[in-house]
């Protein structure tokens, strides 16, 4: 496992950052989403390939949205991560800030926005899924995706409860996802290895805030999705980008 400091100048490496519905991805075909798992990983981290394989297995579960967020803060170790986006490390550091942690690490899985575990520790990840599912509001709000031409639409029903209000709005986050990316790594800790990543997040867009009224949010597919994104994911998440909280609703779907 690799850890990096969030604050301070030094980065410390320790071994131990026509209107039609979208075609349903497996999670929608299977019904209720029970977990959203975000894996923060790096091609430059020798501890990450087992977690990448674990995420690939989880991605096939019909009740889970499993996402790969490649980070760039290990690029100085000798290999520049070809899929990394600074926005991914920023999201991971925001989670750490909410928990009061002064470090981020890879491979880390964040589950439902409220729990975390080493991504290769399968029992710990399963415990985190079970424990987080019991927290108030987690994945309790239905959300749908549709598109017409270039426009992607996120629709939410009216909600009258304690989790979302004008004083406590939720963030609507739209992700562009590439379902599979194979990478040959020629330098760094994983030199000579080929890793296949599943559900790689290539773009993030915050569509706005939701206060509980029945509402729709729209985005341009061409403007908001990076090339090669075959899937869209929407997260309805308590808190803002600096203070992410529980994932209250989620959906994943595939473009036709």
C-alpha atoms as a PDB file:
ATOM      1  CA  UNK A   1       0.000   0.000   0.000  1.00  0.00           C
ATOM      2  CA  UNK A   2       1.251   3.489  -0.841  1.00  0.00           C
ATOM      3  CA  UNK A   3       0.359   6.548   1.211  1.00  0.00           C
ATOM      4  CA  UNK A   4       0.690  10.227   0.361  1.00  0.00           C
ATOM      5  CA  UNK A   5       0.388  13.309   2.558  1.00  0.00           C
ATOM      6  CA  UNK A   6      -2.441  15.659   1.707  1.00  0.00           C
ATOM      7  CA  UNK A   7      -0.998  18.777   3.313  1.00  0.00           C
ATOM      8  CA  UNK A   8       2.537  20.098   3.131  1.00  0.00           C
ATOM      9  CA  UNK A   9       5.062  20.393   0.346  1.00  0.00           C
ATOM     10  CA  UNK A  10       6.464  16.870   0.462  1.00  0.00           C
ATOM     11  CA  UNK A  11       4.709  13.819  -0.930  1.00  0.00           C
ATOM     12  CA  UNK A  12       5.703  10.860   1.213  1.00  0.00           C
ATOM     13  CA  UNK A  13       5.748   7.363  -0.263  1.00  0.00           C
ATOM     14  CA  UNK A  14       5.468   4.486   2.186  1.00  0.00           C
ATOM     15  CA  UNK A  15       5.122   0.792   1.370  1.00  0.00           C
ATOM     16  CA  UNK A  16       2.786  -0.969   3.899  1.00  0.00           C
ATOM     17  CA  UNK A  17      -3.648   8.858  -4.389  1.00  0.00           C
ATOM     18  CA  UNK A  18     -35.334  10.728 -30.031  1.00  0.00           C
ATOM     19  CA  UNK A  19     -35.899  10.468 -26.375  1.00  0.00           C
ATOM     20  CA  UNK A  20     -34.930   7.010 -25.347  1.00  0.00           C
ATOM     21  CA  UNK A  21     -33.533   5.528 -22.176  1.00  0.00           C
ATOM     22  CA  UNK A  22     -29.871   4.727 -22.103  1.00  0.00           C
ATOM     23  CA  UNK A  23     -29.273   1.040 -22.691  1.00  0.00           C
ATOM     24  CA  UNK A  24     -29.231  -0.488 -19.237  1.00  0.00           C
ATOM     25  CA  UNK A  25     -25.926  -1.589 -17.786  1.00  0.00           C
ATOM     26  CA  UNK A  26     -26.062  -4.741 -15.622  1.00  0.00           C
ATOM     27  CA  UNK A  27     -26.717  -2.804 -12.438  1.00  0.00           C
ATOM     28  CA  UNK A  28     -29.970  -1.365 -13.792  1.00  0.00           C
ATOM     29  CA  UNK A  29     -31.098  -4.668 -15.232  1.00  0.00           C
ATOM     30  CA  UNK A  30     -30.624  -6.215 -11.809  1.00  0.00           C
ATOM     31  CA  UNK A  31     -32.722  -3.623  -9.999  1.00  0.00           C
ATOM     32  CA  UNK A  32     -31.789  -1.815  -6.809  1.00  0.00           C
ATOM     33  CA  UNK A  33     -28.248  -0.506  -6.447  1.00  0.00           C
ATOM     34  CA  UNK A  34     -26.815  -1.650  -3.115  1.00  0.00           C
ATOM     35  CA  UNK A  35     -23.313  -0.205  -3.337  1.00  0.00           C
ATOM     36  CA  UNK A  36     -21.260   2.390  -5.162  1.00  0.00           C
ATOM     37  CA  UNK A  37     -17.567   1.538  -4.959  1.00  0.00           C
ATOM     38  CA  UNK A  38     -14.851   3.991  -5.973  1.00  0.00           C
ATOM     39  CA  UNK A  39     -11.356   2.536  -6.367  1.00  0.00           C
ATOM     40  CA  UNK A  40      -8.519   5.050  -6.199  1.00  0.00           C
ATOM     41  CA  UNK A  41      -5.604   3.359  -7.924  1.00  0.00           C
ATOM     42  CA  UNK A  42      -2.372   4.078  -9.781  1.00  0.00           C
ATOM     43  CA  UNK A  43      -0.366   2.355 -12.488  1.00  0.00           C
ATOM     44  CA  UNK A  44       2.730   3.334 -10.480  1.00  0.00           C
ATOM     45  CA  UNK A  45       1.647   1.504  -7.299  1.00  0.00           C
ATOM     46  CA  UNK A  46       2.872  -2.087  -6.968  1.00  0.00           C
ATOM     47  CA  UNK A  47       0.116  -2.837  -4.431  1.00  0.00           C
ATOM     48  CA  UNK A  48      -2.667  -1.832  -6.825  1.00  0.00           C
ATOM     49  CA  UNK A  49      -3.001  -4.672  -9.400  1.00  0.00           C
ATOM     50  CA  UNK A  50      -4.700  -7.055  -6.908  1.00  0.00           C
ATOM     51  CA  UNK A  51      -7.206  -4.311  -6.094  1.00  0.00           C
ATOM     52  CA  UNK A  52      -7.729  -3.628  -9.800  1.00  0.00           C
ATOM     53  CA  UNK A  53      -8.583  -7.302 -10.293  1.00  0.00           C
ATOM     54  CA  UNK A  54     -10.913  -7.190  -7.301  1.00  0.00           C
ATOM     55  CA  UNK A  55     -12.702  -4.157  -8.733  1.00  0.00           C
ATOM     56  CA  UNK A  56     -13.053  -5.956 -12.070  1.00  0.00           C
ATOM     57  CA  UNK A  57     -14.821  -8.831 -10.317  1.00  0.00           C
ATOM     58  CA  UNK A  58     -17.088  -6.486  -8.364  1.00  0.00           C
ATOM     59  CA  UNK A  59     -17.992  -4.667 -11.581  1.00  0.00           C
ATOM     60  CA  UNK A  60     -19.813  -7.798 -12.758  1.00  0.00           C
ATOM     61  CA  UNK A  61     -22.128  -7.829  -9.743  1.00  0.00           C
ATOM     62  CA  UNK A  62     -25.667  -6.841 -10.744  1.00  0.00           C
ATOM     63  CA  UNK A  63     -26.304  -4.712  -7.657  1.00  0.00           C
ATOM     64  CA  UNK A  64     -23.067  -2.689  -7.564  1.00  0.00           C
ATOM     65  CA  UNK A  65     -21.720   0.319  -9.443  1.00  0.00           C
ATOM     66  CA  UNK A  66     -17.941  -0.174  -9.382  1.00  0.00           C
ATOM     67  CA  UNK A  67     -15.743   2.677 -10.630  1.00  0.00           C
ATOM     68  CA  UNK A  68     -12.005   3.143 -11.174  1.00  0.00           C
ATOM     69  CA  UNK A  69     -10.530   6.565 -10.343  1.00  0.00           C
ATOM     70  CA  UNK A  70      -6.841   6.597 -11.449  1.00  0.00           C
ATOM     71  CA  UNK A  71      -4.737   9.142  -9.526  1.00  0.00           C
ATOM     72  CA  UNK A  72      -1.589  10.995 -10.547  1.00  0.00           C
ATOM     73  CA  UNK A  73       0.316  11.613  -7.317  1.00  0.00           C
ATOM     74  CA  UNK A  74       2.626   8.601  -7.785  1.00  0.00           C
ATOM     75  CA  UNK A  75       3.738   9.666 -11.270  1.00  0.00           C
ATOM     76  CA  UNK A  76       7.096  10.802  -9.870  1.00  0.00           C
ATOM     77  CA  UNK A  77       8.012   7.183  -9.072  1.00  0.00           C
ATOM     78  CA  UNK A  78       8.977   6.522 -12.685  1.00  0.00           C
ATOM     79  CA  UNK A  79       5.764   5.950 -14.635  1.00  0.00           C
ATOM     80  CA  UNK A  80       3.180   8.523 -15.660  1.00  0.00           C
ATOM     81  CA  UNK A  81      -0.284   7.022 -15.214  1.00  0.00           C
ATOM     82  CA  UNK A  82      -1.898   7.113 -18.643  1.00  0.00           C
ATOM     83  CA  UNK A  83      -5.461   7.250 -17.277  1.00  0.00           C
ATOM     84  CA  UNK A  84      -4.987   9.547 -14.281  1.00  0.00           C
ATOM     85  CA  UNK A  85      -6.918  12.776 -13.860  1.00  0.00           C
ATOM     86  CA  UNK A  86      -6.066  15.395 -11.182  1.00  0.00           C
ATOM     87  CA  UNK A  87      -9.804  15.614 -10.450  1.00  0.00           C
ATOM     88  CA  UNK A  88      -9.700  12.020  -9.184  1.00  0.00           C
ATOM     89  CA  UNK A  89      -7.031  12.761  -6.576  1.00  0.00           C
ATOM     90  CA  UNK A  90      -8.951  15.887  -5.601  1.00  0.00           C
ATOM     91  CA  UNK A  91     -12.051  13.785  -4.960  1.00  0.00           C
ATOM     92  CA  UNK A  92     -10.092  11.268  -2.893  1.00  0.00           C
ATOM     93  CA  UNK A  93      -8.506  14.033  -0.811  1.00  0.00           C
ATOM     94  CA  UNK A  94     -11.939  15.537  -0.158  1.00  0.00           C
ATOM     95  CA  UNK A  95     -13.087  12.195   1.271  1.00  0.00           C
ATOM     96  CA  UNK A  96      -9.971  12.097   3.463  1.00  0.00           C
ATOM     97  CA  UNK A  97     -10.612  15.632   4.685  1.00  0.00           C
ATOM     98  CA  UNK A  98     -14.151  14.727   5.741  1.00  0.00           C
ATOM     99  CA  UNK A  99     -12.792  11.749   7.718  1.00  0.00           C
ATOM    100  CA  UNK A 100     -10.081  13.890   9.311  1.00  0.00           C
ATOM    101  CA  UNK A 101      -7.288  11.868   7.670  1.00  0.00           C
ATOM    102  CA  UNK A 102      -4.032  13.608   6.782  1.00  0.00           C
ATOM    103  CA  UNK A 103      -3.048  11.060   4.148  1.00  0.00           C
ATOM    104  CA  UNK A 104      -4.497   9.363   1.110  1.00  0.00           C
ATOM    105  CA  UNK A 105      -3.394   5.951  -0.073  1.00  0.00           C
ATOM    106  CA  UNK A 106      -3.625   3.490  -2.919  1.00  0.00           C
ATOM    107  CA  UNK A 107      -5.310   1.158  -3.454  1.00  0.00           C
ATOM    108  CA  UNK A 108      -8.310   2.590  -1.620  1.00  0.00           C
ATOM    109  CA  UNK A 109     -11.955   1.711  -2.102  1.00  0.00           C
ATOM    110  CA  UNK A 110     -14.537   4.218  -0.881  1.00  0.00           C
ATOM    111  CA  UNK A 111     -17.917   2.573  -0.416  1.00  0.00           C
ATOM    112  CA  UNK A 112     -21.168   4.543  -0.692  1.00  0.00           C
ATOM    113  CA  UNK A 113     -19.269   7.715   0.158  1.00  0.00           C
ATOM    114  CA  UNK A 114     -19.041   6.826   3.853  1.00  0.00           C
ATOM    115  CA  UNK A 115     -16.661   3.880   4.363  1.00  0.00           C
ATOM    116  CA  UNK A 116     -13.259   2.912   3.036  1.00  0.00           C
ATOM    117  CA  UNK A 117     -10.973  -0.112   2.895  1.00  0.00           C
ATOM    118  CA  UNK A 118      -7.791  -1.305   1.234  1.00  0.00           C
ATOM    119  CA  UNK A 119      -8.994  -2.312  -2.215  1.00  0.00           C
ATOM    120  CA  UNK A 120      -7.314  -5.715  -2.198  1.00  0.00           C
ATOM    121  CA  UNK A 121      -8.660  -6.663   1.255  1.00  0.00           C
ATOM    122  CA  UNK A 122     -11.759  -8.548   0.181  1.00  0.00           C
ATOM    123  CA  UNK A 123     -13.204  -9.267   3.654  1.00  0.00           C
ATOM    124  CA  UNK A 124     -12.748  -5.618   4.668  1.00  0.00           C
ATOM    125  CA  UNK A 125     -14.480  -4.410   1.516  1.00  0.00           C
ATOM    126  CA  UNK A 126     -17.433  -6.750   2.085  1.00  0.00           C
ATOM    127  CA  UNK A 127     -17.730  -5.539   5.681  1.00  0.00           C
ATOM    128  CA  UNK A 128     -17.674  -1.932   4.497  1.00  0.00           C
ATOM    129  CA  UNK A 129     -20.437  -2.662   1.979  1.00  0.00           C
ATOM    130  CA  UNK A 130     -22.624  -4.216   4.665  1.00  0.00           C
ATOM    131  CA  UNK A 131     -21.939  -1.531   7.268  1.00  0.00           C
ATOM    132  CA  UNK A 132     -22.422   1.424   4.935  1.00  0.00           C
ATOM    133  CA  UNK A 133     -25.663   0.021   3.521  1.00  0.00           C
ATOM    134  CA  UNK A 134     -27.213   0.425   6.953  1.00  0.00           C
ATOM    135  CA  UNK A 135     -26.441   4.128   7.240  1.00  0.00           C
ATOM    136  CA  UNK A 136     -29.293   6.599   6.939  1.00  0.00           C
ATOM    137  CA  UNK A 137     -30.157   7.590   3.411  1.00  0.00           C
ATOM    138  CA  UNK A 138     -27.530   5.552   1.583  1.00  0.00           C
ATOM    139  CA  UNK A 139     -28.864   4.761  -1.907  1.00  0.00           C
ATOM    140  CA  UNK A 140     -32.434   5.513  -0.854  1.00  0.00           C
ATOM    141  CA  UNK A 141     -33.360   8.001  -3.600  1.00  0.00           C
ATOM    142  CA  UNK A 142     -34.269   6.770  -7.120  1.00  0.00           C
ATOM    143  CA  UNK A 143     -32.581   8.470 -10.061  1.00  0.00           C
ATOM    144  CA  UNK A 144     -32.936   7.906 -13.816  1.00  0.00           C
ATOM    145  CA  UNK A 145     -30.888   8.706 -16.936  1.00  0.00           C
ATOM    146  CA  UNK A 146     -32.145   9.390 -20.455  1.00  0.00           C
ATOM    147  CA  UNK A 147     -30.871  11.067 -23.613  1.00  0.00           C
ATOM    148  CA  UNK A 148     -32.185  12.762 -26.731  1.00  0.00           C
ATOM    149  CA  UNK A 149     -29.649  13.509 -29.428  1.00  0.00           C
ATOM    150  CA  UNK A 150     -26.683  15.119 -27.689  1.00  0.00           C
ATOM    151  CA  UNK A 151     -28.488  15.805 -24.408  1.00  0.00           C
ATOM    152  CA  UNK A 152     -28.156  13.589 -21.342  1.00  0.00           C
ATOM    153  CA  UNK A 153     -30.880  14.098 -18.726  1.00  0.00           C
ATOM    154  CA  UNK A 154     -30.840  13.181 -15.043  1.00  0.00           C
ATOM    155  CA  UNK A 155     -34.290  13.057 -13.427  1.00  0.00           C
ATOM    156  CA  UNK A 156     -35.147  13.023  -9.729  1.00  0.00           C
ATOM    157  CA  UNK A 157     -38.543  12.694  -8.015  1.00  0.00           C
ATOM    158  CA  UNK A 158     -39.861  14.975  -5.316  1.00  0.00           C
ATOM    159  CA  UNK A 159     -38.397  14.161  -1.920  1.00  0.00           C
ATOM    160  CA  UNK A 160     -39.692  15.346   1.443  1.00  0.00           C
ATOM    161  CA  UNK A 161     -37.332  14.042   4.076  1.00  0.00           C
ATOM    162  CA  UNK A 162     -34.476  14.989   6.370  1.00  0.00           C
ATOM    163  CA  UNK A 163     -31.590  14.135   4.040  1.00  0.00           C
ATOM    164  CA  UNK A 164     -32.016  16.853   1.403  1.00  0.00           C
ATOM    165  CA  UNK A 165     -33.386  20.390   1.677  1.00  0.00           C
ATOM    166  CA  UNK A 166     -32.651  23.971   0.667  1.00  0.00           C
ATOM    167  CA  UNK A 167     -30.354  24.158   3.682  1.00  0.00           C
ATOM    168  CA  UNK A 168     -28.756  20.767   2.907  1.00  0.00           C
ATOM    169  CA  UNK A 169     -28.671  20.381  -0.873  1.00  0.00           C
ATOM    170  CA  UNK A 170     -27.232  17.295  -2.524  1.00  0.00           C
ATOM    171  CA  UNK A 171     -24.723  17.406  -5.370  1.00  0.00           C
ATOM    172  CA  UNK A 172     -25.574  15.895  -8.754  1.00  0.00           C
ATOM    173  CA  UNK A 173     -22.376  14.442 -10.231  1.00  0.00           C
ATOM    174  CA  UNK A 174     -22.281  13.064 -13.776  1.00  0.00           C
ATOM    175  CA  UNK A 175     -19.400  10.764 -14.713  1.00  0.00           C
ATOM    176  CA  UNK A 176     -18.229   9.658 -18.130  1.00  0.00           C
ATOM    177  CA  UNK A 177     -16.965   6.082 -17.939  1.00  0.00           C
ATOM    178  CA  UNK A 178     -14.905   3.856 -20.219  1.00  0.00           C
ATOM    179  CA  UNK A 179     -15.947   0.270 -19.594  1.00  0.00           C
ATOM    180  CA  UNK A 180     -12.535  -1.314 -20.166  1.00  0.00           C
ATOM    181  CA  UNK A 181      -8.967  -0.028 -20.625  1.00  0.00           C
ATOM    182  CA  UNK A 182      -5.931  -2.308 -21.041  1.00  0.00           C
ATOM    183  CA  UNK A 183      -2.557  -0.714 -20.260  1.00  0.00           C
ATOM    184  CA  UNK A 184       0.963  -2.089 -20.757  1.00  0.00           C
ATOM    185  CA  UNK A 185       3.261  -0.580 -18.115  1.00  0.00           C
ATOM    186  CA  UNK A 186       6.912  -0.342 -19.148  1.00  0.00           C
ATOM    187  CA  UNK A 187       8.460   1.559 -16.227  1.00  0.00           C
ATOM    188  CA  UNK A 188       8.073   2.044 -12.500  1.00  0.00           C
ATOM    189  CA  UNK A 189       7.026  -0.470  -9.860  1.00  0.00           C
ATOM    190  CA  UNK A 190       4.712  -2.352 -12.243  1.00  0.00           C
ATOM    191  CA  UNK A 191       7.048  -2.430 -15.248  1.00  0.00           C
ATOM    192  CA  UNK A 192       6.443  -5.411 -17.502  1.00  0.00           C
ATOM    193  CA  UNK A 193       2.850  -5.813 -16.345  1.00  0.00           C
ATOM    194  CA  UNK A 194      -0.354  -5.409 -18.314  1.00  0.00           C
ATOM    195  CA  UNK A 195      -3.395  -4.298 -16.324  1.00  0.00           C
ATOM    196  CA  UNK A 196      -7.002  -4.166 -17.493  1.00  0.00           C
ATOM    197  CA  UNK A 197      -9.068  -1.500 -15.743  1.00  0.00           C
ATOM    198  CA  UNK A 198     -12.868  -1.626 -15.536  1.00  0.00           C
ATOM    199  CA  UNK A 199     -15.280   1.305 -15.529  1.00  0.00           C
ATOM    200  CA  UNK A 200     -12.585   3.971 -15.699  1.00  0.00           C
ATOM    201  CA  UNK A 201     -13.843   7.467 -14.880  1.00  0.00           C
ATOM    202  CA  UNK A 202     -12.676   9.790 -17.682  1.00  0.00           C
ATOM    203  CA  UNK A 203     -14.727  12.893 -16.909  1.00  0.00           C
ATOM    204  CA  UNK A 204     -16.549  14.448 -13.958  1.00  0.00           C
ATOM    205  CA  UNK A 205     -19.254  17.108 -14.169  1.00  0.00           C
ATOM    206  CA  UNK A 206     -21.128  18.634 -11.258  1.00  0.00           C
ATOM    207  CA  UNK A 207     -24.524  19.397 -12.762  1.00  0.00           C
ATOM    208  CA  UNK A 208     -25.779  21.398  -9.802  1.00  0.00           C
ATOM    209  CA  UNK A 209     -27.516  21.137  -6.446  1.00  0.00           C
ATOM    210  CA  UNK A 210     -30.748  19.337  -5.683  1.00  0.00           C
ATOM    211  CA  UNK A 211     -32.937  20.555  -2.828  1.00  0.00           C
ATOM    212  CA  UNK A 212     -35.608  17.848  -2.946  1.00  0.00           C
ATOM    213  CA  UNK A 213     -38.039  19.164  -5.555  1.00  0.00           C
ATOM    214  CA  UNK A 214     -38.879  17.049  -8.591  1.00  0.00           C
ATOM    215  CA  UNK A 215     -36.187  18.200 -10.979  1.00  0.00           C
ATOM    216  CA  UNK A 216     -34.213  17.351 -14.100  1.00  0.00           C
ATOM    217  CA  UNK A 217     -30.617  18.239 -14.939  1.00  0.00           C
ATOM    218  CA  UNK A 218     -29.160  18.196 -18.442  1.00  0.00           C
ATOM    219  CA  UNK A 219     -25.699  18.027 -19.982  1.00  0.00           C
ATOM    220  CA  UNK A 220     -24.245  17.872 -23.467  1.00  0.00           C
ATOM    221  CA  UNK A 221     -22.786  14.464 -24.179  1.00  0.00           C
ATOM    222  CA  UNK A 222     -20.208  15.894 -26.593  1.00  0.00           C
ATOM    223  CA  UNK A 223     -19.109  18.656 -24.226  1.00  0.00           C
ATOM    224  CA  UNK A 224     -19.143  16.762 -20.934  1.00  0.00           C
ATOM    225  CA  UNK A 225     -17.978  13.259 -21.849  1.00  0.00           C
ATOM    226  CA  UNK A 226     -14.401  12.458 -22.798  1.00  0.00           C
ATOM    227  CA  UNK A 227     -13.818  10.479 -26.017  1.00  0.00           C
ATOM    228  CA  UNK A 228     -14.257   6.755 -25.511  1.00  0.00           C
ATOM    229  CA  UNK A 229     -16.868   6.989 -22.757  1.00  0.00           C
ATOM    230  CA  UNK A 230     -19.468   4.311 -23.429  1.00  0.00           C
ATOM    231  CA  UNK A 231     -21.262   4.670 -20.112  1.00  0.00           C
ATOM    232  CA  UNK A 232     -22.769   7.372 -17.964  1.00  0.00           C
ATOM    233  CA  UNK A 233     -23.003   7.294 -14.183  1.00  0.00           C
ATOM    234  CA  UNK A 234     -24.889   9.746 -12.014  1.00  0.00           C
ATOM    235  CA  UNK A 235     -24.318  10.117  -8.279  1.00  0.00           C
ATOM    236  CA  UNK A 236     -26.680  11.988  -5.980  1.00  0.00           C
ATOM    237  CA  UNK A 237     -24.411  12.792  -3.066  1.00  0.00           C
ATOM    238  CA  UNK A 238     -24.886  14.657   0.187  1.00  0.00           C
ATOM    239  CA  UNK A 239     -22.527  17.570   0.715  1.00  0.00           C
ATOM    240  CA  UNK A 240     -20.523  19.517  -1.836  1.00  0.00           C
ATOM    241  CA  UNK A 241     -17.331  18.695  -3.752  1.00  0.00           C
ATOM    242  CA  UNK A 242     -15.158  19.723  -0.783  1.00  0.00           C
ATOM    243  CA  UNK A 243     -17.211  17.776   1.755  1.00  0.00           C
ATOM    244  CA  UNK A 244     -18.626  14.683   0.000  1.00  0.00           C
ATOM    245  CA  UNK A 245     -21.013  12.644   2.092  1.00  0.00           C
ATOM    246  CA  UNK A 246     -23.224   9.591   1.644  1.00  0.00           C
ATOM    247  CA  UNK A 247     -24.254   8.575  -1.861  1.00  0.00           C
ATOM    248  CA  UNK A 248     -28.031   8.944  -1.710  1.00  0.00           C
ATOM    249  CA  UNK A 249     -28.803   7.669  -5.198  1.00  0.00           C
ATOM    250  CA  UNK A 250     -26.974   6.338  -8.242  1.00  0.00           C
ATOM    251  CA  UNK A 251     -27.525   4.913 -11.704  1.00  0.00           C
ATOM    252  CA  UNK A 252     -25.277   3.603 -14.454  1.00  0.00           C
ATOM    253  CA  UNK A 253     -26.257   3.104 -18.069  1.00  0.00           C
ATOM    254  CA  UNK A 254     -24.729   2.487 -21.474  1.00  0.00           C
ATOM    255  CA  UNK A 255     -25.067   4.668 -24.536  1.00  0.00           C
ATOM    256  CA  UNK A 256     -26.723   2.922 -27.473  1.00  0.00           C
END
